Amino acid sequence: PGPAGANQTWDFSNLELTLGGQDTPQVVGNTPFAAQFPTANNCYKFSGIFPQDRYYYQNVSATKYEIIGLGISTLGGNNYTPNPRTFVTFPYTFGTVFNDTYKTTTDVSETTVVATYDGYGTLILPTGTYTNVIRQKVVKNGTVVNYNWFNVQPFYPLVQTVLEENSIGVMKGLN
């Protein structure tokens, strides 16, 4: 994933990308699972590699970005309870570390997360170059390490690794 620190350049320009699907912003109240996630104020629909559409529900506030739940067209909703998964806390400044514990209704045990804002700089992807990017290191259950890169303004994810599945997700940004 490259080095941590200030003014880094992460060059993933040689990645060979395969289109997996498309995220489309949704009006929460117009989605099929809105009633199951009443605290959600943000939602996007993913259509693509899965046989059913997936609706991802979040609550984004001035203090944090929380993942509330997931609804799958033919399977119903999956809720992070008793508290949502915190994805990012705000203000998010270099060196910020936060801890979170969450459990979905389908998980057997809780997941613990330690997330660290460990770098910022430029991210080069086959889809473009992003110059105002932050990187988040995420340690799950004390051992699994993943990384997320976010565009700062406007704030949205650009790359998310799931190294335990040997995968990486690249979002085509607004750039």
Protein backbone atom coordinates (compact mmCIF):
# COMPACT_ATOMS: atom_id res chain seq x y z
CA PRO A 1 0.00 0.00 0.00
CA GLY A 2 2.99 2.34 0.08
CA PRO A 3 4.44 4.49 2.83
CA ALA A 4 2.70 6.44 5.58
CA GLY A 5 3.42 10.08 6.27
CA ALA A 6 3.03 13.58 4.91
CA ASN A 7 3.19 14.55 1.23
CA GLN A 8 3.26 10.98 -0.08
CA THR A 9 2.67 9.84 -3.64
CA TRP A 10 0.90 6.50 -4.01
CA ASP A 11 1.15 5.33 -7.61
CA PHE A 12 -1.37 2.67 -8.60
CA SER A 13 -1.46 3.76 -12.25
CA ASN A 14 -0.54 0.25 -13.43
CA LEU A 15 -3.58 -1.44 -11.89
CA GLU A 16 -5.65 -3.35 -14.40
CA LEU A 17 -9.24 -2.47 -13.57
CA THR A 18 -12.36 -4.49 -14.20
CA LEU A 19 -15.70 -2.72 -13.96
CA GLY A 20 -17.53 -4.27 -11.04
CA GLY A 21 -20.54 -2.03 -10.99
CA GLN A 22 -21.84 1.44 -10.40
CA ASP A 23 -22.73 3.38 -7.26
CA THR A 24 -25.67 5.73 -7.64
CA PRO A 25 -26.67 8.22 -4.90
CA GLN A 26 -30.23 7.70 -3.67
CA VAL A 27 -32.79 9.76 -1.76
CA VAL A 28 -33.04 7.70 1.43
CA GLY A 29 -36.82 7.96 1.69
CA ASN A 30 -37.27 6.58 -1.83
CA THR A 31 -35.29 3.38 -1.21
CA PRO A 32 -36.79 -0.03 -0.42
CA PHE A 33 -35.22 -0.33 3.05
CA ALA A 34 -35.63 3.24 4.32
CA ALA A 35 -37.96 2.15 7.13
CA GLN A 36 -35.35 -0.31 8.45
CA PHE A 37 -32.70 2.40 8.73
CA PRO A 38 -34.53 5.47 10.08
CA THR A 39 -31.32 7.24 11.19
CA ALA A 40 -29.78 7.11 7.70
CA ASN A 41 -29.36 10.44 5.92
CA ASN A 42 -27.24 9.14 3.04
CA CYS A 43 -27.62 6.14 0.73
CA TYR A 44 -26.16 4.80 -2.46
CA LYS A 45 -27.22 1.89 -4.62
CA PHE A 46 -24.63 -0.49 -6.00
CA SER A 47 -25.57 -2.34 -9.17
CA GLY A 48 -23.16 -4.67 -10.88
CA ILE A 49 -21.34 -7.87 -10.06
CA PHE A 50 -23.90 -9.12 -7.54
CA PRO A 51 -27.16 -10.65 -8.77
CA GLN A 52 -29.19 -8.21 -6.64
CA ASP A 53 -28.86 -4.46 -6.12
CA ARG A 54 -27.34 -3.43 -2.79
CA TYR A 55 -28.35 -0.33 -0.86
CA TYR A 56 -25.73 1.04 1.53
CA TYR A 57 -27.10 3.28 4.29
CA GLN A 58 -25.03 5.82 6.21
CA ASN A 59 -25.44 8.63 8.67
CA VAL A 60 -23.06 11.49 7.91
CA SER A 61 -22.82 14.32 10.44
CA ALA A 62 -20.36 17.04 11.40
CA THR A 63 -18.67 14.60 13.82
CA LYS A 64 -18.64 11.25 11.99
CA TYR A 65 -19.47 9.08 9.01
CA GLU A 66 -21.29 5.97 10.19
CA ILE A 67 -22.25 2.87 8.24
CA ILE A 68 -25.79 2.07 9.35
CA GLY A 69 -26.65 -0.96 7.26
CA LEU A 70 -27.06 -2.81 4.02
CA GLY A 71 -30.17 -3.82 2.14
CA ILE A 72 -30.09 -6.39 -0.64
CA SER A 73 -33.01 -6.34 -3.08
CA THR A 74 -34.20 -9.92 -2.57
CA LEU A 75 -32.71 -10.66 0.86
CA GLY A 76 -33.77 -7.73 3.04
CA GLY A 77 -31.75 -5.53 5.39
CA ASN A 78 -28.63 -6.13 7.44
CA ASN A 79 -28.20 -3.68 10.33
CA TYR A 80 -25.10 -2.73 12.33
CA THR A 81 -26.41 -3.02 15.89
CA PRO A 82 -26.47 -2.04 18.68
CA ASN A 83 -24.34 0.79 17.34
CA PRO A 84 -23.34 1.66 13.76
CA ARG A 85 -19.87 1.14 12.35
CA THR A 86 -17.87 4.38 12.49
CA PHE A 87 -15.99 4.77 9.20
CA VAL A 88 -14.45 8.20 9.82
CA THR A 89 -14.57 10.78 12.61
CA PHE A 90 -14.49 14.54 11.96
CA PRO A 91 -12.47 16.67 12.12
CA TYR A 92 -10.12 14.13 10.56
CA THR A 93 -6.56 15.38 10.95
CA PHE A 94 -3.22 13.72 10.30
CA GLY A 95 -2.43 11.30 13.12
CA THR A 96 -6.05 10.91 14.30
CA VAL A 97 -6.72 7.44 15.73
CA PHE A 98 -10.15 6.17 16.68
CA ASN A 99 -11.47 2.84 17.95
CA ASP A 100 -14.81 1.28 17.15
CA THR A 101 -16.67 -1.94 17.84
CA TYR A 102 -19.64 -3.05 15.79
CA LYS A 103 -21.65 -6.18 15.09
CA THR A 104 -24.10 -6.75 12.27
CA THR A 105 -27.22 -8.78 12.77
CA THR A 106 -25.60 -11.58 10.75
CA ASP A 107 -22.19 -11.59 12.52
CA VAL A 108 -21.39 -14.23 15.12
CA SER A 109 -19.09 -11.91 17.10
CA GLU A 110 -18.19 -8.24 17.35
CA THR A 111 -15.59 -6.66 15.10
CA THR A 112 -13.10 -4.23 16.63
CA VAL A 113 -11.47 -1.57 14.51
CA VAL A 114 -8.56 0.79 15.10
CA ALA A 115 -8.43 3.38 12.32
CA THR A 116 -5.50 5.75 11.86
CA TYR A 117 -5.17 8.72 9.51
CA ASP A 118 -1.60 7.76 8.61
CA GLY A 119 -0.82 9.69 5.45
CA TYR A 120 -1.76 12.34 2.95
CA GLY A 121 -0.65 13.41 -0.49
CA THR A 122 -1.25 12.40 -4.11
CA LEU A 123 -2.92 9.23 -5.36
CA ILE A 124 -2.35 8.17 -8.98
CA LEU A 125 -4.90 5.76 -10.43
CA PRO A 126 -5.65 4.59 -13.97
CA THR A 127 -8.77 6.80 -13.68
CA GLY A 128 -6.84 9.98 -12.82
CA THR A 129 -4.55 11.76 -10.39
CA TYR A 130 -5.94 13.05 -7.08
CA THR A 131 -3.82 15.62 -5.27
CA ASN A 132 -5.72 16.20 -2.03
CA VAL A 133 -5.95 12.66 -0.64
CA ILE A 134 -5.77 11.14 2.83
CA ARG A 135 -5.01 7.53 3.71
CA GLN A 136 -6.58 5.60 6.54
CA LYS A 137 -4.99 2.44 7.99
CA VAL A 138 -7.60 0.08 9.46
CA VAL A 139 -6.71 -2.78 11.80
CA LYS A 140 -9.61 -5.20 12.29
CA ASN A 141 -9.68 -7.57 15.26
CA GLY A 142 -6.04 -6.81 16.03
CA THR A 143 -4.58 -8.48 12.96
CA VAL A 144 -6.23 -7.68 9.62
CA VAL A 145 -4.82 -4.51 8.07
CA ASN A 146 -6.62 -2.66 5.28
CA TYR A 147 -6.26 0.81 3.79
CA ASN A 148 -8.70 3.43 2.53
CA TRP A 149 -7.83 6.49 0.48
CA PHE A 150 -10.27 9.42 0.48
CA ASN A 151 -10.57 12.52 -1.65
CA VAL A 152 -10.73 15.42 0.81
CA GLN A 153 -12.94 18.02 -0.89
CA PRO A 154 -15.54 16.80 -1.58
CA PHE A 155 -15.05 13.90 0.82
CA TYR A 156 -15.52 10.48 -0.75
CA PRO A 157 -13.60 7.17 -0.93
CA LEU A 158 -11.28 6.53 -3.86
CA VAL A 159 -9.66 3.20 -2.99
CA GLN A 160 -10.51 0.55 -0.41
CA THR A 161 -8.44 -2.58 0.16
CA VAL A 162 -9.79 -5.85 1.52
CA LEU A 163 -6.46 -7.62 1.83
CA GLU A 164 -7.92 -10.65 3.63
CA GLU A 165 -9.83 -11.29 0.39
CA ASN A 166 -6.87 -10.19 -1.76
CA SER A 167 -8.97 -7.46 -3.35
CA ILE A 168 -8.97 -3.75 -3.93
CA GLY A 169 -11.87 -1.50 -4.85
CA VAL A 170 -11.23 1.60 -6.94
CA MET A 171 -13.93 4.18 -7.28
CA LYS A 172 -13.88 6.47 -10.27
CA GLY A 173 -13.95 9.87 -8.67
CA LEU A 174 -15.41 13.18 -9.70
CA ASN A 175 -11.99 14.27 -10.93
